[in-house]
PDB file of N, CA and C in Angstrom:
ATOM      1  N   MET A   1     174.672  82.711  46.848  1.00  0.00           N
ATOM      2  CA  MET A   1     173.640  81.725  46.914  1.00  0.00           C
ATOM      3  C   MET A   1     174.294  80.383  47.205  1.00  0.00           C
ATOM      4  N   THR A   2     173.633  79.594  48.029  1.00  0.00           N
ATOM      5  CA  THR A   2     174.226  78.341  48.481  1.00  0.00           C
ATOM      6  C   THR A   2     173.463  77.136  47.940  1.00  0.00           C
ATOM      7  N   GLY A   3     174.219  76.119  47.556  1.00  0.00           N
ATOM      8  CA  GLY A   3     173.633  74.879  47.051  1.00  0.00           C
ATOM      9  C   GLY A   3     174.722  73.946  46.568  1.00  0.00           C
ATOM     10  N   THR A   4     174.364  73.039  45.676  1.00  0.00           N
ATOM     11  CA  THR A   4     175.335  72.129  45.072  1.00  0.00           C
ATOM     12  C   THR A   4     175.307  72.320  43.561  1.00  0.00           C
ATOM     13  N   ILE A   5     176.441  72.033  42.937  1.00  0.00           N
ATOM     14  CA  ILE A   5     176.562  72.205  41.486  1.00  0.00           C
ATOM     15  C   ILE A   5     176.657  70.834  40.828  1.00  0.00           C
ATOM     16  N   SER A   6     175.915  70.667  39.743  1.00  0.00           N
ATOM     17  CA  SER A   6     176.052  69.450  38.941  1.00  0.00           C
ATOM     18  C   SER A   6     176.272  69.848  37.489  1.00  0.00           C
ATOM     19  N   ARG A   7     176.826  68.930  36.744  1.00  0.00           N
ATOM     20  CA  ARG A   7     177.046  69.150  35.315  1.00  0.00           C
ATOM     21  C   ARG A   7     175.869  68.530  34.578  1.00  0.00           C
ATOM     22  N   LYS A   8     175.179  69.335  33.775  1.00  0.00           N
ATOM     23  CA  LYS A   8     173.984  68.886  33.055  1.00  0.00           C
ATOM     24  C   LYS A   8     174.210  69.008  31.551  1.00  0.00           C
ATOM     25  N   THR A   9     173.595  68.094  30.818  1.00  0.00           N
ATOM     26  CA  THR A   9     173.644  68.134  29.359  1.00  0.00           C
ATOM     27  C   THR A   9     172.260  68.480  28.836  1.00  0.00           C
ATOM     28  N   PHE A  10     172.204  69.505  27.993  1.00  0.00           N
ATOM     29  CA  PHE A  10     170.950  69.993  27.416  1.00  0.00           C
ATOM     30  C   PHE A  10     171.024  69.895  25.897  1.00  0.00           C
ATOM     31  N   PRO A  11     169.873  69.808  25.218  1.00  0.00           N
ATOM     32  CA  PRO A  11     169.884  69.838  23.754  1.00  0.00           C
ATOM     33  C   PRO A  11     170.186  71.245  23.242  1.00  0.00           C
ATOM     34  N   GLY A  12     171.095  71.323  22.281  1.00  0.00           N
ATOM     35  CA  GLY A  12     171.477  72.605  21.698  1.00  0.00           C
ATOM     36  C   GLY A  12     170.958  72.747  20.279  1.00  0.00           C
ATOM     37  N   PRO A  13     171.755  73.409  19.413  1.00  0.00           N
ATOM     38  CA  PRO A  13     171.315  73.617  18.047  1.00  0.00           C
ATOM     39  C   PRO A  13     171.216  72.307  17.274  1.00  0.00           C
ATOM     40  N   PRO A  14     170.389  72.233  16.266  1.00  0.00           N
ATOM     41  CA  PRO A  14     169.662  73.358  15.686  1.00  0.00           C
ATOM     42  C   PRO A  14     168.305  73.642  16.335  1.00  0.00           C
ATOM     43  N   ASN A  15     167.696  72.666  16.993  1.00  0.00           N
ATOM     44  CA  ASN A  15     166.315  72.863  17.465  1.00  0.00           C
ATOM     45  C   ASN A  15     166.168  73.051  18.966  1.00  0.00           C
ATOM     46  N   TYR A  16     167.210  72.756  19.750  1.00  0.00           N
ATOM     47  CA  TYR A  16     167.167  72.907  21.213  1.00  0.00           C
ATOM     48  C   TYR A  16     166.049  72.082  21.842  1.00  0.00           C
ATOM     49  N   GLU A  17     165.804  70.895  21.287  1.00  0.00           N
ATOM     50  CA  GLU A  17     164.697  70.060  21.765  1.00  0.00           C
ATOM     51  C   GLU A  17     165.118  68.657  22.173  1.00  0.00           C
ATOM     52  N   SER A  18     165.968  67.991  21.360  1.00  0.00           N
ATOM     53  CA  SER A  18     166.257  66.582  21.624  1.00  0.00           C
ATOM     54  C   SER A  18     167.623  66.186  21.078  1.00  0.00           C
ATOM     55  N   ILE A  19     168.489  65.723  21.961  1.00  0.00           N
ATOM     56  CA  ILE A  19     169.790  65.215  21.529  1.00  0.00           C
ATOM     57  C   ILE A  19     169.587  63.954  20.697  1.00  0.00           C
ATOM     58  N   ARG A  20     168.635  63.114  21.089  1.00  0.00           N
ATOM     59  CA  ARG A  20     168.344  61.875  20.349  1.00  0.00           C
ATOM     60  C   ARG A  20     167.921  62.147  18.911  1.00  0.00           C
ATOM     61  N   GLN A  21     167.292  63.299  18.692  1.00  0.00           N
ATOM     62  CA  GLN A  21     166.832  63.630  17.342  1.00  0.00           C
ATOM     63  C   GLN A  21     167.831  64.508  16.595  1.00  0.00           C
ATOM     64  N   GLY A  22     169.067  64.590  17.115  1.00  0.00           N
ATOM     65  CA  GLY A  22     170.125  65.246  16.362  1.00  0.00           C
ATOM     66  C   GLY A  22     170.603  66.588  16.867  1.00  0.00           C
ATOM     67  N   ASP A  23     170.008  67.122  17.926  1.00  0.00           N
ATOM     68  CA  ASP A  23     170.511  68.390  18.458  1.00  0.00           C
ATOM     69  C   ASP A  23     171.865  68.176  19.130  1.00  0.00           C
ATOM     70  N   LYS A  24     172.726  69.156  18.985  1.00  0.00           N
ATOM     71  CA  LYS A  24     174.060  69.098  19.584  1.00  0.00           C
ATOM     72  C   LYS A  24     173.940  69.153  21.114  1.00  0.00           C
ATOM     73  N   PRO A  25     174.657  68.267  21.839  1.00  0.00           N
ATOM     74  CA  PRO A  25     174.615  68.349  23.305  1.00  0.00           C
ATOM     75  C   PRO A  25     175.402  69.560  23.805  1.00  0.00           C
ATOM     76  N   GLU A  26     174.826  70.263  24.768  1.00  0.00           N
ATOM     77  CA  GLU A  26     175.494  71.394  25.415  1.00  0.00           C
ATOM     78  C   GLU A  26     175.605  71.073  26.901  1.00  0.00           C
ATOM     79  N   LYS A  27     176.826  71.176  27.424  1.00  0.00           N
ATOM     80  CA  LYS A  27     177.059  70.852  28.832  1.00  0.00           C
ATOM     81  C   LYS A  27     177.274  72.137  29.616  1.00  0.00           C
ATOM     82  N   TYR A  28     176.514  72.247  30.705  1.00  0.00           N
ATOM     83  CA  TYR A  28     176.608  73.415  31.574  1.00  0.00           C
ATOM     84  C   TYR A  28     176.598  72.973  33.024  1.00  0.00           C
ATOM     85  N   TRP A  29     177.087  73.854  33.882  1.00  0.00           N
ATOM     86  CA  TRP A  29     176.961  73.639  35.316  1.00  0.00           C
ATOM     87  C   TRP A  29     175.673  74.293  35.782  1.00  0.00           C
ATOM     88  N   VAL A  30     174.970  73.611  36.674  1.00  0.00           N
ATOM     89  CA  VAL A  30     173.729  74.138  37.244  1.00  0.00           C
ATOM     90  C   VAL A  30     173.860  74.136  38.761  1.00  0.00           C
ATOM     91  N   LEU A  31     173.570  75.285  39.373  1.00  0.00           N
ATOM     92  CA  LEU A  31     173.540  75.399  40.829  1.00  0.00           C
ATOM     93  C   LEU A  31     172.145  75.034  41.301  1.00  0.00           C
ATOM     94  N   HIS A  32     172.059  73.991  42.127  1.00  0.00           N
ATOM     95  CA  HIS A  32     170.794  73.564  42.729  1.00  0.00           C
ATOM     96  C   HIS A  32     170.728  74.222  44.103  1.00  0.00           C
ATOM     97  N   LEU A  33     169.854  75.205  44.234  1.00  0.00           N
ATOM     98  CA  LEU A  33     169.802  76.018  45.444  1.00  0.00           C
ATOM     99  C   LEU A  33     169.262  75.250  46.639  1.00  0.00           C
ATOM    100  N   ALA A  34     169.801  75.579  47.805  1.00  0.00           N
ATOM    101  CA  ALA A  34     169.329  74.975  49.052  1.00  0.00           C
ATOM    102  C   ALA A  34     167.901  75.425  49.353  1.00  0.00           C
ATOM    103  N   LYS A  35     167.566  76.660  48.958  1.00  0.00           N
ATOM    104  CA  LYS A  35     166.216  77.202  49.144  1.00  0.00           C
ATOM    105  C   LYS A  35     165.823  77.949  47.878  1.00  0.00           C
ATOM    106  N   PRO A  36     164.554  77.857  47.464  1.00  0.00           N
ATOM    107  CA  PRO A  36     164.117  78.576  46.259  1.00  0.00           C
ATOM    108  C   PRO A  36     164.230  80.089  46.439  1.00  0.00           C
ATOM    109  N   ILE A  37     164.420  80.777  45.315  1.00  0.00           N
ATOM    110  CA  ILE A  37     164.473  82.239  45.327  1.00  0.00           C
ATOM    111  C   ILE A  37     163.404  82.795  44.395  1.00  0.00           C
ATOM    112  N   CYS A  38     163.158  84.085  44.545  1.00  0.00           N
ATOM    113  CA  CYS A  38     162.271  84.829  43.647  1.00  0.00           C
ATOM    114  C   CYS A  38     163.056  86.010  43.103  1.00  0.00           C
ATOM    115  N   THR A  39     162.756  86.416  41.878  1.00  0.00           N
ATOM    116  CA  THR A  39     163.344  87.629  41.325  1.00  0.00           C
ATOM    117  C   THR A  39     162.226  88.632  41.083  1.00  0.00           C
ATOM    118  N   THR A  40     162.566  89.898  41.132  1.00  0.00           N
ATOM    119  CA  THR A  40     161.569  90.936  40.900  1.00  0.00           C
ATOM    120  C   THR A  40     161.543  91.300  39.422  1.00  0.00           C
ATOM    121  N   ALA A  41     160.429  91.827  38.999  1.00  0.00           N
ATOM    122  CA  ALA A  41     160.274  92.235  37.602  1.00  0.00           C
ATOM    123  C   ALA A  41     161.037  93.530  37.352  1.00  0.00           C
ATOM    124  N   SER A  42     161.447  93.707  36.110  1.00  0.00           N
ATOM    125  CA  SER A  42     162.047  94.961  35.667  1.00  0.00           C
ATOM    126  C   SER A  42     161.385  95.327  34.344  1.00  0.00           C
ATOM    127  N   VAL A  43     161.823  96.399  33.752  1.00  0.00           N
ATOM    128  CA  VAL A  43     161.257  96.829  32.475  1.00  0.00           C
ATOM    129  C   VAL A  43     161.404  95.731  31.421  1.00  0.00           C
ATOM    130  N   ASP A  44     162.542  95.038  31.435  1.00  0.00           N
ATOM    131  CA  ASP A  44     162.841  94.037  30.408  1.00  0.00           C
ATOM    132  C   ASP A  44     162.560  92.592  30.809  1.00  0.00           C
ATOM    133  N   ASN A  45     162.296  92.345  32.093  1.00  0.00           N
ATOM    134  CA  ASN A  45     162.180  90.963  32.570  1.00  0.00           C
ATOM    135  C   ASN A  45     160.984  90.766  33.480  1.00  0.00           C
ATOM    136  N   ASP A  46     160.377  89.593  33.370  1.00  0.00           N
ATOM    137  CA  ASP A  46     159.285  89.223  34.265  1.00  0.00           C
ATOM    138  C   ASP A  46     159.849  88.765  35.604  1.00  0.00           C
ATOM    139  N   ALA A  47     159.014  88.815  36.625  1.00  0.00           N
ATOM    140  CA  ALA A  47     159.383  88.254  37.922  1.00  0.00           C
ATOM    141  C   ALA A  47     159.391  86.733  37.808  1.00  0.00           C
ATOM    142  N   GLU A  48     160.235  86.095  38.584  1.00  0.00           N
ATOM    143  CA  GLU A  48     160.291  84.632  38.649  1.00  0.00           C
ATOM    144  C   GLU A  48     160.116  84.231  40.104  1.00  0.00           C
ATOM    145  N   SER A  49     159.389  83.150  40.349  1.00  0.00           N
ATOM    146  CA  SER A  49     159.236  82.673  41.723  1.00  0.00           C
ATOM    147  C   SER A  49     159.548  81.190  41.787  1.00  0.00           C
ATOM    148  N   GLY A  50     159.971  80.747  42.953  1.00  0.00           N
ATOM    149  CA  GLY A  50     160.263  79.332  43.150  1.00  0.00           C
ATOM    150  C   GLY A  50     161.443  78.812  42.350  1.00  0.00           C
ATOM    151  N   VAL A  51     162.403  79.674  42.067  1.00  0.00           N
ATOM    152  CA  VAL A  51     163.574  79.272  41.280  1.00  0.00           C
ATOM    153  C   VAL A  51     164.481  78.394  42.148  1.00  0.00           C
ATOM    154  N   THR A  52     164.745  77.178  41.691  1.00  0.00           N
ATOM    155  CA  THR A  52     165.599  76.262  42.448  1.00  0.00           C
ATOM    156  C   THR A  52     166.896  75.914  41.725  1.00  0.00           C
ATOM    157  N   ASP A  53     166.960  76.171  40.422  1.00  0.00           N
ATOM    158  CA  ASP A  53     168.151  75.857  39.633  1.00  0.00           C
ATOM    159  C   ASP A  53     168.593  77.080  38.849  1.00  0.00           C
ATOM    160  N   LEU A  54     169.903  77.335  38.865  1.00  0.00           N
ATOM    161  CA  LEU A  54     170.490  78.437  38.108  1.00  0.00           C
ATOM    162  C   LEU A  54     171.564  77.875  37.188  1.00  0.00           C
ATOM    163  N   GLN A  55     171.449  78.126  35.893  1.00  0.00           N
ATOM    164  CA  GLN A  55     172.535  77.784  34.982  1.00  0.00           C
ATOM    165  C   GLN A  55     173.663  78.760  35.259  1.00  0.00           C
ATOM    166  N   LEU A  56     174.882  78.240  35.404  1.00  0.00           N
ATOM    167  CA  LEU A  56     176.030  79.085  35.700  1.00  0.00           C
ATOM    168  C   LEU A  56     176.807  79.378  34.429  1.00  0.00           C
ATOM    169  N   THR A  57     177.256  80.622  34.295  1.00  0.00           N
ATOM    170  CA  THR A  57     178.141  80.980  33.195  1.00  0.00           C
ATOM    171  C   THR A  57     179.502  81.308  33.801  1.00  0.00           C
ATOM    172  N   LEU A  58     180.520  80.637  33.286  1.00  0.00           N
ATOM    173  CA  LEU A  58     181.872  80.764  33.809  1.00  0.00           C
ATOM    174  C   LEU A  58     182.861  80.916  32.664  1.00  0.00           C
ATOM    175  N   THR A  59     184.050  81.409  32.993  1.00  0.00           N
ATOM    176  CA  THR A  59     185.143  81.449  32.025  1.00  0.00           C
ATOM    177  C   THR A  59     185.835  80.089  32.029  1.00  0.00           C
ATOM    178  N   GLY A  60     186.661  79.841  31.037  1.00  0.00           N
ATOM    179  CA  GLY A  60     187.436  78.602  31.003  1.00  0.00           C
ATOM    180  C   GLY A  60     188.306  78.438  32.240  1.00  0.00           C
ATOM    181  N   LYS A  61     188.900  79.534  32.694  1.00  0.00           N
ATOM    182  CA  LYS A  61     189.739  79.482  33.899  1.00  0.00           C
ATOM    183  C   LYS A  61     188.906  79.124  35.126  1.00  0.00           C
ATOM    184  N   GLN A  62     187.690  79.659  35.201  1.00  0.00           N
ATOM    185  CA  GLN A  62     186.829  79.350  36.343  1.00  0.00           C
ATOM    186  C   GLN A  62     186.420  77.875  36.344  1.00  0.00           C
ATOM    187  N   TYR A  63     186.109  77.317  35.175  1.00  0.00           N
ATOM    188  CA  TYR A  63     185.779  75.886  35.114  1.00  0.00           C
ATOM    189  C   TYR A  63     186.925  75.061  35.699  1.00  0.00           C
ATOM    190  N   ALA A  64     188.152  75.378  35.316  1.00  0.00           N
ATOM    191  CA  ALA A  64     189.314  74.636  35.818  1.00  0.00           C
ATOM    192  C   ALA A  64     189.504  74.848  37.321  1.00  0.00           C
ATOM    193  N   LEU A  65     189.316  76.071  37.773  1.00  0.00           N
ATOM    194  CA  LEU A  65     189.531  76.413  39.180  1.00  0.00           C
ATOM    195  C   LEU A  65     188.526  75.737  40.105  1.00  0.00           C
ATOM    196  N   TYR A  66     187.274  75.634  39.674  1.00  0.00           N
ATOM    197  CA  TYR A  66     186.202  75.167  40.559  1.00  0.00           C
ATOM    198  C   TYR A  66     185.729  73.735  40.287  1.00  0.00           C
ATOM    199  N   LYS A  67     186.367  73.012  39.381  1.00  0.00           N
ATOM    200  CA  LYS A  67     185.870  71.686  38.990  1.00  0.00           C
ATOM    201  C   LYS A  67     185.795  70.698  40.153  1.00  0.00           C
ATOM    202  N   ASN A  68     186.671  70.834  41.153  1.00  0.00           N
ATOM    203  CA  ASN A  68     186.630  69.897  42.283  1.00  0.00           C
ATOM    204  C   ASN A  68     185.361  70.042  43.109  1.00  0.00           C
ATOM    205  N   PHE A  69     184.786  71.240  43.163  1.00  0.00           N
ATOM    206  CA  PHE A  69     183.516  71.418  43.872  1.00  0.00           C
ATOM    207  C   PHE A  69     182.425  70.569  43.215  1.00  0.00           C
ATOM    208  N   VAL A  70     182.466  70.484  41.904  1.00  0.00           N
ATOM    209  CA  VAL A  70     181.459  69.709  41.170  1.00  0.00           C
ATOM    210  C   VAL A  70     181.731  68.216  41.332  1.00  0.00           C
ATOM    211  N   ARG A  71     182.967  67.827  41.159  1.00  0.00           N
ATOM    212  CA  ARG A  71     183.332  66.404  41.284  1.00  0.00           C
ATOM    213  C   ARG A  71     182.999  65.846  42.659  1.00  0.00           C
ATOM    214  N   ARG A  72     183.244  66.648  43.696  1.00  0.00           N
ATOM    215  CA  ARG A  72     183.030  66.186  45.069  1.00  0.00           C
ATOM    216  C   ARG A  72     181.607  66.435  45.556  1.00  0.00           C
ATOM    217  N   LYS A  73     180.775  67.030  44.698  1.00  0.00           N
ATOM    218  CA  LYS A  73     179.370  67.310  45.037  1.00  0.00           C
ATOM    219  C   LYS A  73     179.247  68.065  46.357  1.00  0.00           C
ATOM    220  N   MET A  74     180.121  69.046  46.519  1.00  0.00           N
ATOM    221  CA  MET A  74     180.175  69.831  47.751  1.00  0.00           C
ATOM    222  C   MET A  74     179.095  70.895  47.786  1.00  0.00           C
ATOM    223  N   ARG A  75     178.665  71.226  48.969  1.00  0.00           N
ATOM    224  CA  ARG A  75     177.807  72.385  49.178  1.00  0.00           C
ATOM    225  C   ARG A  75     178.707  73.607  49.023  1.00  0.00           C
ATOM    226  N   VAL A  76     178.271  74.568  48.210  1.00  0.00           N
ATOM    227  CA  VAL A  76     179.093  75.738  47.913  1.00  0.00           C
ATOM    228  C   VAL A  76     178.260  77.013  47.990  1.00  0.00           C
ATOM    229  N   THR A  77     178.971  78.129  48.086  1.00  0.00           N
ATOM    230  CA  THR A  77     178.351  79.440  47.962  1.00  0.00           C
ATOM    231  C   THR A  77     178.862  80.060  46.666  1.00  0.00           C
ATOM    232  N   VAL A  78     177.940  80.480  45.819  1.00  0.00           N
ATOM    233  CA  VAL A  78     178.298  81.075  44.534  1.00  0.00           C
ATOM    234  C   VAL A  78     177.879  82.538  44.559  1.00  0.00           C
ATOM    235  N   LYS A  79     178.810  83.411  44.203  1.00  0.00           N
ATOM    236  CA  LYS A  79     178.509  84.839  44.094  1.00  0.00           C
ATOM    237  C   LYS A  79     178.603  85.225  42.630  1.00  0.00           C
ATOM    238  N   GLY A  80     177.662  86.075  42.204  1.00  0.00           N
ATOM    239  CA  GLY A  80     177.666  86.492  40.817  1.00  0.00           C
ATOM    240  C   GLY A  80     176.485  87.378  40.497  1.00  0.00           C
ATOM    241  N   LYS A  81     176.292  87.608  39.215  1.00  0.00           N
ATOM    242  CA  LYS A  81     175.231  88.488  38.723  1.00  0.00           C
ATOM    243  C   LYS A  81     174.139  87.646  38.072  1.00  0.00           C
ATOM    244  N   LEU A  82     172.892  87.880  38.497  1.00  0.00           N
ATOM    245  CA  LEU A  82     171.753  87.148  37.942  1.00  0.00           C
ATOM    246  C   LEU A  82     171.239  87.810  36.670  1.00  0.00           C
ATOM    247  N   SER A  83     170.749  86.983  35.749  1.00  0.00           N
ATOM    248  CA  SER A  83     170.099  87.491  34.539  1.00  0.00           C
ATOM    249  C   SER A  83     169.032  86.491  34.112  1.00  0.00           C
ATOM    250  N   HIS A  84     168.129  86.944  33.270  1.00  0.00           N
ATOM    251  CA  HIS A  84     167.083  86.063  32.747  1.00  0.00           C
ATOM    252  C   HIS A  84     167.568  85.345  31.491  1.00  0.00           C
ATOM    253  N   ALA A  85     166.994  84.190  31.223  1.00  0.00           N
ATOM    254  CA  ALA A  85     167.282  83.457  29.993  1.00  0.00           C
ATOM    255  C   ALA A  85     166.759  84.261  28.801  1.00  0.00           C
ATOM    256  N   ILE A  86     167.600  84.376  27.757  1.00  0.00           N
ATOM    257  CA  ILE A  86     167.158  85.119  26.573  1.00  0.00           C
ATOM    258  C   ILE A  86     167.472  84.391  25.264  1.00  0.00           C
ATOM    259  N   THR A  87     168.298  83.346  25.311  1.00  0.00           N
ATOM    260  CA  THR A  87     168.623  82.624  24.078  1.00  0.00           C
ATOM    261  C   THR A  87     168.339  81.137  24.255  1.00  0.00           C
ATOM    262  N   GLY A  88     168.416  80.400  23.177  1.00  0.00           N
ATOM    263  CA  GLY A  88     168.236  78.958  23.232  1.00  0.00           C
ATOM    264  C   GLY A  88     169.325  78.245  24.016  1.00  0.00           C
ATOM    265  N   HIS A  89     170.460  78.915  24.221  1.00  0.00           N
ATOM    266  CA  HIS A  89     171.555  78.341  25.002  1.00  0.00           C
ATOM    267  C   HIS A  89     171.315  78.481  26.504  1.00  0.00           C
ATOM    268  N   HIS A  90     170.309  79.217  26.885  1.00  0.00           N
ATOM    269  CA  HIS A  90     169.968  79.411  28.301  1.00  0.00           C
ATOM    270  C   HIS A  90     168.891  78.399  28.669  1.00  0.00           C
ATOM    271  N   HIS A  91     169.208  77.523  29.608  1.00  0.00           N
ATOM    272  CA  HIS A  91     168.339  76.380  29.886  1.00  0.00           C
ATOM    273  C   HIS A  91     167.620  76.438  31.226  1.00  0.00           C
ATOM    274  N   THR A  92     167.818  77.486  31.992  1.00  0.00           N
ATOM    275  CA  THR A  92     167.032  77.724  33.206  1.00  0.00           C
ATOM    276  C   THR A  92     166.475  79.139  33.091  1.00  0.00           C
ATOM    277  N   PRO A  93     165.346  79.439  33.737  1.00  0.00           N
ATOM    278  CA  PRO A  93     164.760  80.776  33.603  1.00  0.00           C
ATOM    279  C   PRO A  93     165.682  81.894  34.087  1.00  0.00           C
ATOM    280  N   VAL A  94     166.511  81.588  35.091  1.00  0.00           N
ATOM    281  CA  VAL A  94     167.451  82.563  35.647  1.00  0.00           C
ATOM    282  C   VAL A  94     168.846  81.956  35.590  1.00  0.00           C
ATOM    283  N   LEU A  95     169.830  82.775  35.198  1.00  0.00           N
ATOM    284  CA  LEU A  95     171.226  82.350  35.111  1.00  0.00           C
ATOM    285  C   LEU A  95     172.064  83.186  36.063  1.00  0.00           C
ATOM    286  N   MET A  96     173.260  82.693  36.368  1.00  0.00           N
ATOM    287  CA  MET A  96     174.192  83.480  37.165  1.00  0.00           C
ATOM    288  C   MET A  96     175.546  83.517  36.471  1.00  0.00           C
ATOM    289  N   GLU A  97     176.049  84.742  36.232  1.00  0.00           N
ATOM    290  CA  GLU A  97     177.408  84.939  35.752  1.00  0.00           C
ATOM    291  C   GLU A  97     178.300  84.903  36.986  1.00  0.00           C
ATOM    292  N   VAL A  98     179.128  83.883  37.090  1.00  0.00           N
ATOM    293  CA  VAL A  98     179.869  83.610  38.318  1.00  0.00           C
ATOM    294  C   VAL A  98     181.018  84.594  38.526  1.00  0.00           C
ATOM    295  N   VAL A  99     181.085  85.129  39.758  1.00  0.00           N
ATOM    296  CA  VAL A  99     182.239  85.914  40.199  1.00  0.00           C
ATOM    297  C   VAL A  99     183.196  84.991  40.937  1.00  0.00           C
ATOM    298  N   ASN A 100     182.665  84.220  41.911  1.00  0.00           N
ATOM    299  CA  ASN A 100     183.489  83.221  42.593  1.00  0.00           C
ATOM    300  C   ASN A 100     182.626  82.146  43.235  1.00  0.00           C
ATOM    301  N   ILE A 101     183.282  81.037  43.553  1.00  0.00           N
ATOM    302  CA  ILE A 101     182.639  79.911  44.223  1.00  0.00           C
ATOM    303  C   ILE A 101     183.512  79.542  45.412  1.00  0.00           C
ATOM    304  N   THR A 102     182.892  79.427  46.583  1.00  0.00           N
ATOM    305  CA  THR A 102     183.626  79.090  47.800  1.00  0.00           C
ATOM    306  C   THR A 102     182.847  78.070  48.613  1.00  0.00           C
ATOM    307  N   GLU A 103     183.527  77.470  49.583  1.00  0.00           N
ATOM    308  CA  GLU A 103     182.820  76.655  50.556  1.00  0.00           C
ATOM    309  C   GLU A 103     182.060  77.615  51.457  1.00  0.00           C
ATOM    310  N   PRO A 104     180.812  77.294  51.821  1.00  0.00           N
ATOM    311  CA  PRO A 104     180.034  78.225  52.639  1.00  0.00           C
ATOM    312  C   PRO A 104     180.623  78.366  54.035  1.00  0.00           C
ATOM    313  N   GLN A 105     180.530  79.568  54.558  1.00  0.00           N
ATOM    314  CA  GLN A 105     180.952  79.833  55.927  1.00  0.00           C
ATOM    315  C   GLN A 105     179.811  79.479  56.860  1.00  0.00           C
ATOM    316  N   TRP A 106     180.120  79.189  58.087  1.00  0.00           N
ATOM    317  CA  TRP A 106     179.101  78.792  59.063  1.00  0.00           C
ATOM    318  C   TRP A 106     177.971  79.816  59.131  1.00  0.00           C
ATOM    319  N   GLU A 107     178.299  81.100  59.104  1.00  0.00           N
ATOM    320  CA  GLU A 107     177.277  82.141  59.216  1.00  0.00           C
ATOM    321  C   GLU A 107     176.274  82.063  58.072  1.00  0.00           C
ATOM    322  N   GLU A 108     176.732  81.647  56.891  1.00  0.00           N
ATOM    323  CA  GLU A 108     175.842  81.577  55.736  1.00  0.00           C
ATOM    324  C   GLU A 108     174.887  80.392  55.821  1.00  0.00           C
ATOM    325  N   LEU A 109     175.196  79.413  56.660  1.00  0.00           N
ATOM    326  CA  LEU A 109     174.362  78.228  56.771  1.00  0.00           C
ATOM    327  C   LEU A 109     173.244  78.382  57.793  1.00  0.00           C
ATOM    328  N   LYS A 110     173.328  79.410  58.632  1.00  0.00           N
ATOM    329  CA  LYS A 110     172.295  79.615  59.640  1.00  0.00           C
ATOM    330  C   LYS A 110     170.988  80.036  58.988  1.00  0.00           C
ATOM    331  N   VAL A 111     169.888  79.604  59.564  1.00  0.00           N
ATOM    332  CA  VAL A 111     168.575  80.040  59.106  1.00  0.00           C
ATOM    333  C   VAL A 111     168.182  81.241  59.946  1.00  0.00           C
ATOM    334  N   ILE A 112     167.857  82.329  59.287  1.00  0.00           N
ATOM    335  CA  ILE A 112     167.467  83.544  59.993  1.00  0.00           C
ATOM    336  C   ILE A 112     165.981  83.753  59.789  1.00  0.00           C
ATOM    337  N   GLU A 113     165.249  83.801  60.872  1.00  0.00           N
ATOM    338  CA  GLU A 113     163.805  84.038  60.812  1.00  0.00           C
ATOM    339  C   GLU A 113     163.555  85.537  60.741  1.00  0.00           C
ATOM    340  N   ILE A 114     162.759  85.961  59.778  1.00  0.00           N
ATOM    341  CA  ILE A 114     162.399  87.370  59.634  1.00  0.00           C
ATOM    342  C   ILE A 114     160.940  87.512  60.016  1.00  0.00           C
ATOM    343  N   PRO A 115     160.669  88.359  61.028  1.00  0.00           N
ATOM    344  CA  PRO A 115     159.268  88.504  61.482  1.00  0.00           C
ATOM    345  C   PRO A 115     158.382  89.145  60.438  1.00  0.00           C
TER     346      PRO A 115
END
């Protein structure tokens, strides 16, 4: 999936509602997609439509490896596994467990019309 990544701060425990009211700040990377996506329903998950932001889950090594993409606000391609939000630590309806992040190739930037 292609887009830009930003670092976002969300309210965490105990109430996951307001940092100003005492919730712990939680910082995550969010992929802002170039185009919205939809997910299909499964036995355990509802379908989602118009998804434009994905909270990314990364290892400590991945944060260090890919931090320049975030600092430079580069357009990137992120590959990984999608899942639905299930805990208070999940701040977008759909998340991606990151496999890798790269600069997009020219072929990935083309718009393909499907009849």
